[in-house]
Amino acid sequence: MWTPRLRGALVVGSPATIWEYVQRYMAETGANYFVGSFHWGDLSHQEACRSLELFVSAAMPAVS
């Protein structure tokens, strides 16, 4: 059984992987919002923006 990590969760992967995580998280916790951070470590601004664009265009519409 999948168990969400409620402390310090870090999720990386394809838009499908993120979509799956958010769907499960919402279903198992009853959460009605998701807070993401897309600029970590040594990511360039361009890389962080690309991650955010992928989330907005591919992952977020699937859970909205």
C-alpha atoms as a PDB file:
ATOM      1  CA  MET A   1       0.000   0.000   0.000  1.00  0.00           C
ATOM      2  CA  TRP A   2       1.202   3.470  -0.856  1.00  0.00           C
ATOM      3  CA  THR A   3       1.859   5.692   2.142  1.00  0.00           C
ATOM      4  CA  PRO A   4       2.349   9.441   1.669  1.00  0.00           C
ATOM      5  CA  ARG A   5       5.354  10.944   3.370  1.00  0.00           C
ATOM      6  CA  LEU A   6       3.828  13.847   5.203  1.00  0.00           C
ATOM      7  CA  ARG A   7       7.162  15.162   6.441  1.00  0.00           C
ATOM      8  CA  GLY A   8       9.596  16.629   3.946  1.00  0.00           C
ATOM      9  CA  ALA A   9       8.122  15.011   0.844  1.00  0.00           C
ATOM     10  CA  LEU A  10      10.172  15.439  -2.292  1.00  0.00           C
ATOM     11  CA  VAL A  11       8.630  14.258  -5.517  1.00  0.00           C
ATOM     12  CA  VAL A  12      10.560  14.118  -8.763  1.00  0.00           C
ATOM     13  CA  GLY A  13       9.773  12.575 -12.098  1.00  0.00           C
ATOM     14  CA  SER A  14       7.723  12.908 -15.219  1.00  0.00           C
ATOM     15  CA  PRO A  15       4.450  14.858 -15.288  1.00  0.00           C
ATOM     16  CA  ALA A  16       2.662  11.493 -15.039  1.00  0.00           C
ATOM     17  CA  THR A  17       4.613  10.593 -11.893  1.00  0.00           C
ATOM     18  CA  ILE A  18       3.780  13.934 -10.298  1.00  0.00           C
ATOM     19  CA  TRP A  19       0.132  13.631 -11.322  1.00  0.00           C
ATOM     20  CA  GLU A  20      -0.053  10.184  -9.718  1.00  0.00           C
ATOM     21  CA  TYR A  21       1.523  11.459  -6.495  1.00  0.00           C
ATOM     22  CA  VAL A  22      -0.819  14.455  -6.239  1.00  0.00           C
ATOM     23  CA  GLN A  23      -3.880  12.283  -6.964  1.00  0.00           C
ATOM     24  CA  ARG A  24      -2.928   9.780  -4.260  1.00  0.00           C
ATOM     25  CA  TYR A  25      -1.974  12.483  -1.792  1.00  0.00           C
ATOM     26  CA  MET A  26      -5.300  14.256  -2.238  1.00  0.00           C
ATOM     27  CA  ALA A  27      -7.315  11.031  -2.020  1.00  0.00           C
ATOM     28  CA  GLU A  28      -5.570   9.702   1.074  1.00  0.00           C
ATOM     29  CA  THR A  29      -5.258  12.943   3.025  1.00  0.00           C
ATOM     30  CA  GLY A  30      -8.376  14.844   1.972  1.00  0.00           C
ATOM     31  CA  ALA A  31      -6.211  17.812   0.991  1.00  0.00           C
ATOM     32  CA  ASN A  32      -7.769  20.267  -1.414  1.00  0.00           C
ATOM     33  CA  TYR A  33      -4.613  22.111  -2.433  1.00  0.00           C
ATOM     34  CA  PHE A  34      -1.015  21.421  -3.364  1.00  0.00           C
ATOM     35  CA  VAL A  35       1.983  23.619  -2.637  1.00  0.00           C
ATOM     36  CA  GLY A  36       4.981  23.060  -4.860  1.00  0.00           C
ATOM     37  CA  SER A  37       8.452  24.510  -5.025  1.00  0.00           C
ATOM     38  CA  PHE A  38      10.243  24.303  -8.322  1.00  0.00           C
ATOM     39  CA  HIS A  39      13.583  26.012  -7.696  1.00  0.00           C
ATOM     40  CA  TRP A  40      15.987  23.815  -5.716  1.00  0.00           C
ATOM     41  CA  GLY A  41      19.717  23.346  -5.311  1.00  0.00           C
ATOM     42  CA  ASP A  42      21.748  24.212  -8.345  1.00  0.00           C
ATOM     43  CA  LEU A  43      18.889  24.331 -10.852  1.00  0.00           C
ATOM     44  CA  SER A  44      19.195  27.279 -13.178  1.00  0.00           C
ATOM     45  CA  HIS A  45      16.322  29.729 -13.436  1.00  0.00           C
ATOM     46  CA  GLN A  46      15.574  28.326 -16.880  1.00  0.00           C
ATOM     47  CA  GLU A  47      15.432  24.737 -15.552  1.00  0.00           C
ATOM     48  CA  ALA A  48      13.141  25.745 -12.683  1.00  0.00           C
ATOM     49  CA  CYS A  49      10.837  27.586 -15.072  1.00  0.00           C
ATOM     50  CA  ARG A  50      10.711  24.521 -17.333  1.00  0.00           C
ATOM     51  CA  SER A  51       9.720  22.337 -14.370  1.00  0.00           C
ATOM     52  CA  LEU A  52       6.958  24.766 -13.458  1.00  0.00           C
ATOM     53  CA  GLU A  53       5.762  24.922 -17.077  1.00  0.00           C
ATOM     54  CA  LEU A  54       5.568  21.118 -17.227  1.00  0.00           C
ATOM     55  CA  PHE A  55       3.632  21.007 -13.968  1.00  0.00           C
ATOM     56  CA  VAL A  56       1.170  23.651 -15.135  1.00  0.00           C
ATOM     57  CA  SER A  57       0.655  22.214 -18.619  1.00  0.00           C
ATOM     58  CA  ALA A  58       0.789  18.466 -18.000  1.00  0.00           C
ATOM     59  CA  ALA A  59       0.282  17.564 -14.340  1.00  0.00           C
ATOM     60  CA  MET A  60      -2.028  20.224 -12.918  1.00  0.00           C
ATOM     61  CA  PRO A  61      -4.830  19.972 -15.529  1.00  0.00           C
ATOM     62  CA  ALA A  62      -5.164  16.262 -14.750  1.00  0.00           C
ATOM     63  CA  VAL A  63      -5.989  16.940 -11.100  1.00  0.00           C
ATOM     64  CA  SER A  64      -7.975  20.155 -11.464  1.00  0.00           C
END
